[in-house]
N, C-alpha and C. Protein backbone atom coordinates (compact mmCIF):
# COMPACT_ATOMS: atom_id res chain seq x y z
N MET A 1 0.81 -1.23 -0.02
CA MET A 1 -0.05 -0.08 0.02
C MET A 1 0.92 1.18 0.19
N ALA A 2 0.71 2.32 -0.64
CA ALA A 2 1.31 3.47 -0.71
C ALA A 2 1.07 4.14 0.70
N SER A 3 2.01 5.07 0.94
CA SER A 3 1.87 5.70 1.96
C SER A 3 0.78 6.61 2.05
N GLY A 4 -0.05 6.64 3.13
CA GLY A 4 -1.10 7.26 3.33
C GLY A 4 -2.26 6.47 2.84
N ASP A 5 -2.19 5.66 2.08
CA ASP A 5 -3.36 4.79 1.56
C ASP A 5 -3.77 3.79 2.59
N THR A 6 -5.09 3.89 2.96
CA THR A 6 -5.74 3.06 3.98
C THR A 6 -6.18 1.97 3.49
N GLY A 7 -6.47 1.76 2.34
CA GLY A 7 -6.94 0.46 1.97
C GLY A 7 -8.34 0.38 1.89
N ILE A 8 -9.19 1.73 2.23
CA ILE A 8 -10.48 1.56 2.00
C ILE A 8 -11.01 2.34 0.76
N ARG A 9 -11.93 1.63 0.18
CA ARG A 9 -12.38 1.72 -1.16
C ARG A 9 -12.99 3.20 -1.16
N ASN A 10 -13.96 3.46 -0.34
CA ASN A 10 -14.65 4.66 -0.49
C ASN A 10 -14.40 5.38 0.94
N GLU A 11 -13.25 6.05 1.39
CA GLU A 11 -12.79 6.27 2.50
C GLU A 11 -13.89 7.49 3.05
N GLY A 12 -14.17 8.51 1.95
CA GLY A 12 -15.21 9.61 2.32
C GLY A 12 -16.68 9.08 3.10
N TYR A 13 -17.07 7.98 2.27
CA TYR A 13 -18.26 7.48 2.84
C TYR A 13 -18.00 6.66 4.19
N MET A 14 -16.95 6.20 4.44
CA MET A 14 -16.49 5.33 5.73
C MET A 14 -16.56 6.47 6.75
N ARG A 15 -16.32 7.62 6.57
CA ARG A 15 -15.86 8.75 7.58
C ARG A 15 -17.33 9.40 7.95
N GLN A 16 -18.22 9.12 7.16
CA GLN A 16 -19.62 9.52 7.56
C GLN A 16 -20.12 9.03 8.94
N ILE A 17 -20.71 9.96 9.61
CA ILE A 17 -21.34 9.11 10.91
C ILE A 17 -22.85 8.48 10.58
N LYS A 18 -22.95 7.40 10.83
CA LYS A 18 -24.28 6.77 10.69
C LYS A 18 -25.18 6.78 11.84
N GLU A 19 -26.18 7.39 11.36
CA GLU A 19 -27.25 7.89 12.44
C GLU A 19 -28.26 6.72 12.44
N PHE A 20 -28.27 6.10 13.85
CA PHE A 20 -29.24 5.10 14.14
C PHE A 20 -30.33 5.55 15.05
N SER A 21 -30.64 6.62 15.39
CA SER A 21 -31.85 7.06 16.30
C SER A 21 -33.27 6.60 15.93
N GLY A 22 -33.27 6.50 14.48
CA GLY A 22 -34.55 5.91 14.14
C GLY A 22 -34.58 4.52 14.10
N LEU A 23 -33.86 3.76 14.57
CA LEU A 23 -33.91 2.34 14.74
C LEU A 23 -33.87 1.62 16.19
N ARG A 24 -34.52 2.40 16.94
CA ARG A 24 -34.90 2.01 18.53
C ARG A 24 -36.03 1.17 18.39
N PHE A 25 -35.95 -0.03 19.25
CA PHE A 25 -37.28 -0.90 19.32
C PHE A 25 -37.31 -1.14 20.62
N GLY A 26 -38.08 -0.19 21.61
CA GLY A 26 -37.90 -0.54 22.79
C GLY A 26 -36.46 -0.17 23.31
N SER A 27 -35.72 -1.02 24.22
CA SER A 27 -34.64 -0.76 24.77
C SER A 27 -33.65 -1.20 23.54
N ILE A 28 -33.92 -1.70 22.46
CA ILE A 28 -32.91 -2.42 21.73
C ILE A 28 -32.63 -1.38 20.67
N THR A 29 -31.34 -1.28 20.47
CA THR A 29 -30.64 -0.44 19.42
C THR A 29 -29.64 -1.08 18.40
N PRO A 30 -29.27 -0.83 17.36
CA PRO A 30 -28.17 -1.53 16.76
C PRO A 30 -26.96 -1.40 17.22
N THR A 31 -26.07 -2.24 16.76
CA THR A 31 -24.52 -2.41 17.15
C THR A 31 -24.11 -2.43 15.82
N ASP A 32 -22.53 -2.23 15.98
CA ASP A 32 -21.71 -2.37 14.99
C ASP A 32 -20.55 -3.32 15.02
N ILE A 33 -19.95 -3.73 14.16
CA ILE A 33 -18.67 -4.89 14.17
C ILE A 33 -17.51 -3.96 13.55
N ASP A 34 -16.58 -3.63 14.17
CA ASP A 34 -15.63 -3.05 13.69
C ASP A 34 -14.61 -3.56 12.60
N CYS A 35 -14.75 -5.01 12.74
CA CYS A 35 -13.68 -5.78 11.70
C CYS A 35 -14.39 -7.24 11.84
N PHE A 36 -14.27 -7.55 10.64
CA PHE A 36 -14.74 -9.15 10.50
C PHE A 36 -13.95 -9.78 9.47
N PHE A 37 -13.60 -11.18 9.64
CA PHE A 37 -12.69 -11.94 8.60
C PHE A 37 -13.69 -13.21 8.48
N ASP A 38 -13.57 -13.65 7.37
CA ASP A 38 -14.02 -14.95 6.96
C ASP A 38 -13.34 -15.86 6.31
N PHE A 39 -12.58 -16.76 7.02
CA PHE A 39 -11.69 -17.69 6.50
C PHE A 39 -12.15 -18.97 6.06
N SER A 40 -12.62 -19.09 4.54
CA SER A 40 -12.90 -20.33 3.92
C SER A 40 -14.28 -20.87 4.50
N ASP A 41 -15.36 -19.98 4.89
CA ASP A 41 -16.63 -20.48 5.44
C ASP A 41 -16.45 -21.22 6.62
N GLY A 42 -15.05 -21.45 7.38
CA GLY A 42 -15.10 -22.33 8.65
C GLY A 42 -14.64 -21.70 9.58
N LEU A 43 -14.09 -20.66 9.75
CA LEU A 43 -13.46 -19.81 10.87
C LEU A 43 -13.94 -18.21 10.47
N PHE A 44 -14.45 -17.65 11.43
CA PHE A 44 -15.19 -16.47 11.69
C PHE A 44 -14.51 -15.71 12.65
N ILE A 45 -13.67 -14.50 12.51
CA ILE A 45 -13.09 -13.64 13.49
C ILE A 45 -13.96 -12.32 13.46
N PHE A 46 -14.23 -11.79 14.67
CA PHE A 46 -15.02 -10.48 14.85
C PHE A 46 -13.80 -9.76 15.68
N VAL A 47 -14.04 -8.47 15.42
CA VAL A 47 -12.88 -7.60 16.00
C VAL A 47 -13.79 -6.27 16.60
N GLU A 48 -13.71 -6.20 17.98
CA GLU A 48 -14.36 -4.89 18.42
C GLU A 48 -13.22 -4.25 19.04
N LEU A 49 -13.17 -2.78 18.79
CA LEU A 49 -12.39 -1.85 19.23
C LEU A 49 -12.93 -0.90 20.23
N LYS A 50 -12.03 -0.74 21.36
CA LYS A 50 -12.62 0.12 22.34
C LYS A 50 -11.30 1.18 22.72
N HIS A 51 -11.62 2.37 23.11
CA HIS A 51 -10.45 3.32 23.32
C HIS A 51 -10.24 3.37 24.82
N GLY A 52 -9.08 3.22 25.18
CA GLY A 52 -8.58 3.04 26.55
C GLY A 52 -9.05 1.71 27.16
N ASP A 53 -9.87 2.15 28.40
CA ASP A 53 -10.37 1.05 29.31
C ASP A 53 -11.90 1.12 29.28
N THR A 54 -12.48 1.63 28.01
CA THR A 54 -14.02 1.70 27.75
C THR A 54 -14.59 0.25 27.69
N LYS A 55 -15.54 -0.14 28.40
CA LYS A 55 -16.03 -1.41 28.77
C LYS A 55 -17.15 -1.57 27.23
N LEU A 56 -17.19 -2.84 26.99
CA LEU A 56 -18.42 -3.08 26.11
C LEU A 56 -19.48 -2.89 26.87
N PRO A 57 -20.45 -2.11 26.12
CA PRO A 57 -21.66 -1.96 26.85
C PRO A 57 -22.47 -3.38 26.89
N PHE A 58 -23.38 -3.43 27.87
CA PHE A 58 -23.93 -4.68 28.01
C PHE A 58 -24.75 -5.40 26.74
N GLY A 59 -25.56 -4.36 26.06
CA GLY A 59 -26.15 -4.83 24.76
C GLY A 59 -25.43 -5.23 23.90
N GLN A 60 -24.31 -4.58 23.56
CA GLN A 60 -23.24 -4.63 22.57
C GLN A 60 -22.49 -6.13 22.85
N LYS A 61 -22.14 -6.39 24.03
CA LYS A 61 -21.44 -7.60 24.47
C LYS A 61 -22.41 -8.81 24.21
N LEU A 62 -23.86 -8.62 24.56
CA LEU A 62 -24.49 -9.71 24.54
C LEU A 62 -24.75 -10.12 22.96
N ALA A 63 -25.03 -9.14 22.22
CA ALA A 63 -25.30 -9.22 20.73
C ALA A 63 -23.92 -9.90 20.01
N LEU A 64 -22.83 -9.44 20.34
CA LEU A 64 -21.58 -9.99 20.01
C LEU A 64 -21.44 -11.68 20.38
N GLU A 65 -21.80 -11.79 21.73
CA GLU A 65 -21.52 -13.12 22.28
C GLU A 65 -22.46 -14.05 21.51
N ARG A 66 -24.09 -13.78 21.27
CA ARG A 66 -24.88 -14.46 20.57
C ARG A 66 -24.45 -14.83 19.03
N LEU A 67 -24.00 -13.76 18.43
CA LEU A 67 -23.22 -13.84 17.06
C LEU A 67 -22.22 -14.91 17.01
N CYS A 68 -21.54 -14.85 17.89
CA CYS A 68 -20.15 -16.03 17.80
C CYS A 68 -20.83 -17.30 18.28
N ASP A 69 -21.82 -17.35 19.15
CA ASP A 69 -22.33 -18.44 19.88
C ASP A 69 -23.10 -19.16 18.65
N ALA A 70 -23.76 -18.55 17.72
CA ALA A 70 -24.88 -19.04 16.80
C ALA A 70 -23.77 -19.38 15.69
N CYS A 71 -22.67 -18.90 15.45
CA CYS A 71 -21.59 -19.47 14.37
C CYS A 71 -21.22 -20.88 14.97
N GLU A 72 -20.91 -20.90 16.26
CA GLU A 72 -20.40 -22.11 16.67
C GLU A 72 -21.48 -23.27 16.62
N SER A 73 -22.80 -22.98 16.78
CA SER A 73 -23.95 -23.72 16.76
C SER A 73 -24.10 -24.13 15.39
N GLY A 74 -23.68 -23.48 14.39
CA GLY A 74 -23.96 -23.73 12.99
C GLY A 74 -22.82 -24.53 12.40
N GLY A 75 -21.61 -25.04 13.42
CA GLY A 75 -20.54 -25.76 12.89
C GLY A 75 -19.44 -25.10 12.52
N LYS A 76 -19.50 -23.77 12.69
CA LYS A 76 -18.36 -22.83 12.26
C LYS A 76 -17.42 -22.58 13.63
N LYS A 77 -16.15 -22.24 13.48
CA LYS A 77 -15.50 -21.78 14.57
C LYS A 77 -15.49 -20.44 14.73
N SER A 78 -15.67 -19.60 15.86
CA SER A 78 -15.67 -18.30 15.72
C SER A 78 -14.61 -17.71 16.82
N CYS A 79 -14.27 -16.51 16.64
CA CYS A 79 -13.56 -15.92 17.70
C CYS A 79 -13.84 -14.49 17.90
N LEU A 80 -14.09 -13.79 18.90
CA LEU A 80 -14.51 -12.35 19.03
C LEU A 80 -13.39 -11.77 19.81
N ILE A 81 -12.67 -10.85 19.00
CA ILE A 81 -11.41 -10.20 19.78
C ILE A 81 -11.76 -8.78 20.23
N VAL A 82 -11.74 -8.34 21.35
CA VAL A 82 -11.64 -7.22 21.90
C VAL A 82 -10.36 -6.49 22.14
N ALA A 83 -10.27 -5.42 21.32
CA ALA A 83 -8.94 -4.76 21.59
C ALA A 83 -9.09 -3.18 21.81
N ARG A 84 -7.66 -2.90 22.18
CA ARG A 84 -7.81 -1.55 22.79
C ARG A 84 -7.00 -0.58 21.86
N HIS A 85 -6.97 0.67 21.91
CA HIS A 85 -6.28 1.76 21.20
C HIS A 85 -6.25 2.98 22.26
N ASP A 86 -5.30 3.79 21.94
CA ASP A 86 -5.20 4.94 22.56
C ASP A 86 -5.12 6.36 21.54
N CYS A 87 -5.68 6.10 20.40
CA CYS A 87 -5.68 7.20 19.13
C CYS A 87 -6.43 8.32 19.65
N PRO A 88 -6.08 9.64 19.42
CA PRO A 88 -7.15 10.65 19.64
C PRO A 88 -8.09 10.51 18.46
N GLN A 89 -9.14 11.23 18.58
CA GLN A 89 -10.36 11.30 17.67
C GLN A 89 -9.83 11.63 16.30
N ASP A 90 -8.86 12.62 16.25
CA ASP A 90 -8.65 13.13 14.95
C ASP A 90 -7.61 12.33 14.14
N GLU A 91 -7.25 11.18 14.69
CA GLU A 91 -6.24 10.43 14.05
C GLU A 91 -6.82 8.98 13.74
N ASN A 92 -6.26 8.40 12.51
CA ASN A 92 -6.70 7.14 12.04
C ASN A 92 -6.38 6.05 13.01
N ILE A 93 -7.08 5.22 13.27
CA ILE A 93 -6.61 3.93 13.84
C ILE A 93 -6.02 2.73 13.16
N ASP A 94 -4.86 2.38 13.61
CA ASP A 94 -4.38 1.18 12.63
C ASP A 94 -4.71 -0.14 13.67
N VAL A 95 -5.69 -0.57 13.27
CA VAL A 95 -6.49 -1.68 13.85
C VAL A 95 -5.31 -2.97 14.17
N SER A 96 -4.50 -3.26 13.00
CA SER A 96 -3.57 -4.41 13.33
C SER A 96 -2.73 -4.26 14.51
N LEU A 97 -2.43 -2.66 14.94
CA LEU A 97 -1.66 -2.50 16.06
C LEU A 97 -2.40 -2.34 17.29
N ALA A 98 -3.88 -2.49 17.38
CA ALA A 98 -4.65 -2.50 18.72
C ALA A 98 -4.12 -3.54 19.52
N VAL A 99 -4.05 -3.57 20.84
CA VAL A 99 -3.59 -4.51 21.75
C VAL A 99 -5.02 -5.34 22.38
N VAL A 100 -4.82 -6.65 22.28
CA VAL A 100 -5.89 -7.68 22.45
C VAL A 100 -6.13 -7.49 24.17
N SER A 101 -7.38 -7.30 24.60
CA SER A 101 -7.54 -7.31 26.00
C SER A 101 -8.47 -8.58 26.36
N ASP A 102 -9.39 -9.03 25.56
CA ASP A 102 -10.35 -9.95 25.93
C ASP A 102 -10.43 -10.92 24.72
N VAL A 103 -11.15 -12.13 24.86
CA VAL A 103 -11.16 -12.93 23.48
C VAL A 103 -12.63 -13.85 24.15
N ARG A 104 -13.67 -14.04 22.98
CA ARG A 104 -14.44 -15.07 23.28
C ARG A 104 -14.19 -16.21 22.34
N TRP A 105 -13.94 -17.34 23.03
CA TRP A 105 -13.47 -18.43 22.07
C TRP A 105 -14.06 -19.80 22.63
N GLU A 106 -14.92 -20.61 22.05
CA GLU A 106 -15.31 -21.68 22.59
C GLU A 106 -16.46 -21.49 23.41
N ARG A 107 -17.30 -20.41 23.15
CA ARG A 107 -18.47 -19.90 23.98
C ARG A 107 -18.22 -19.26 25.33
N LYS A 108 -16.78 -19.01 25.66
CA LYS A 108 -16.24 -18.72 26.99
C LYS A 108 -15.47 -17.20 26.51
N TRP A 109 -15.81 -16.41 27.61
CA TRP A 109 -14.83 -15.15 27.52
C TRP A 109 -13.49 -15.49 28.15
N ARG A 110 -12.42 -15.15 27.83
CA ARG A 110 -11.24 -15.29 28.10
C ARG A 110 -10.49 -13.96 28.18
N PRO A 111 -9.97 -13.59 29.52
CA PRO A 111 -9.06 -12.28 29.59
C PRO A 111 -8.02 -12.77 28.84
N TRP A 112 -7.31 -11.95 28.04
CA TRP A 112 -6.21 -12.38 27.31
C TRP A 112 -4.76 -12.23 28.10
N ARG A 113 -4.19 -13.09 27.92
CA ARG A 113 -2.81 -13.32 28.95
C ARG A 113 -1.85 -12.44 28.31
N ASP A 114 -1.59 -12.58 27.06
CA ASP A 114 -0.30 -11.83 26.64
C ASP A 114 -0.77 -10.40 26.20
N LYS A 115 -0.27 -9.65 27.29
CA LYS A 115 -0.71 -8.21 27.09
C LYS A 115 -0.01 -7.48 25.78
N ASN A 116 1.01 -8.23 24.95
CA ASN A 116 1.49 -7.57 24.18
C ASN A 116 0.92 -7.98 22.68
N ASP A 117 0.12 -9.03 22.67
CA ASP A 117 -0.43 -9.35 21.57
C ASP A 117 -1.29 -8.31 20.87
N THR A 118 -1.29 -8.20 19.51
CA THR A 118 -2.00 -7.13 18.84
C THR A 118 -2.77 -7.94 17.90
N VAL A 119 -3.94 -7.21 17.33
CA VAL A 119 -4.92 -7.96 16.73
C VAL A 119 -4.32 -8.62 15.63
N ARG A 120 -3.32 -8.06 14.79
CA ARG A 120 -2.79 -8.79 13.77
C ARG A 120 -2.31 -10.29 14.53
N ASP A 121 -1.52 -10.10 15.63
CA ASP A 121 -0.89 -11.34 16.20
C ASP A 121 -1.89 -12.43 16.37
N LEU A 122 -3.07 -12.06 17.10
CA LEU A 122 -4.03 -12.87 17.32
C LEU A 122 -4.89 -13.59 16.18
N VAL A 123 -5.02 -12.75 15.25
CA VAL A 123 -5.65 -13.18 13.78
C VAL A 123 -5.04 -14.28 13.28
N GLU A 124 -3.65 -13.88 13.33
CA GLU A 124 -2.64 -14.83 12.73
C GLU A 124 -2.46 -16.20 13.30
N LYS A 125 -2.57 -16.24 14.70
CA LYS A 125 -2.49 -17.33 15.65
C LYS A 125 -3.68 -18.10 15.40
N VAL A 126 -4.75 -17.47 15.54
CA VAL A 126 -5.96 -18.33 15.37
C VAL A 126 -6.18 -18.99 13.93
N ARG A 127 -5.87 -18.21 13.15
CA ARG A 127 -5.97 -18.57 11.68
C ARG A 127 -5.12 -19.58 11.51
N ASP A 128 -3.89 -19.74 11.81
CA ASP A 128 -2.82 -20.70 11.53
C ASP A 128 -3.29 -21.95 12.29
N TRP A 129 -3.85 -21.98 13.66
CA TRP A 129 -4.21 -23.03 14.40
C TRP A 129 -5.46 -23.87 13.51
N TRP A 130 -6.29 -22.81 13.13
CA TRP A 130 -7.60 -23.47 12.51
C TRP A 130 -6.97 -24.13 11.03
N MET A 131 -6.21 -23.48 10.30
CA MET A 131 -5.49 -24.12 9.14
C MET A 131 -4.93 -25.42 9.32
N LYS A 132 -4.06 -25.35 10.45
CA LYS A 132 -3.24 -26.80 10.74
C LYS A 132 -4.19 -27.92 11.34
N ASP A 133 -5.06 -27.68 12.59
CA ASP A 133 -5.49 -28.50 13.32
C ASP A 133 -7.03 -28.64 12.96
N ALA A 134 -7.55 -27.72 12.55
CA ALA A 134 -9.09 -27.84 12.78
C ALA A 134 -9.65 -28.14 11.19
N ARG A 135 -8.99 -28.27 10.22
CA ARG A 135 -9.41 -28.73 8.79
C ARG A 135 -9.28 -30.13 8.79
């Protein structure tokens, strides 16, 4: 990628704020997924980014848990990575360098033990494990 190239096809559209206020159903509101990988329809990896020590809101956490668990129920492996960054609002976030804090794997939350693992590190580890052992 050229310097300054984010790899985003329509960066201007990406920067637009998505307005969800018209999509409230009682206490239910939409959530988003910051990053998603589909490895050969057998391994799905989801990434949620949070700034600093911001917690996953209860509803978002529940929705992401249910999504991962539904993948598992459908015979697919799934991994949800929660990662942290400290970028100011006026700077782009290099998602590959965000530090992993928590992982949902095999229907369980696991605080991540290696505090130096980045999103890229963990995606590679999970993908490599799946390609070697699970296929």
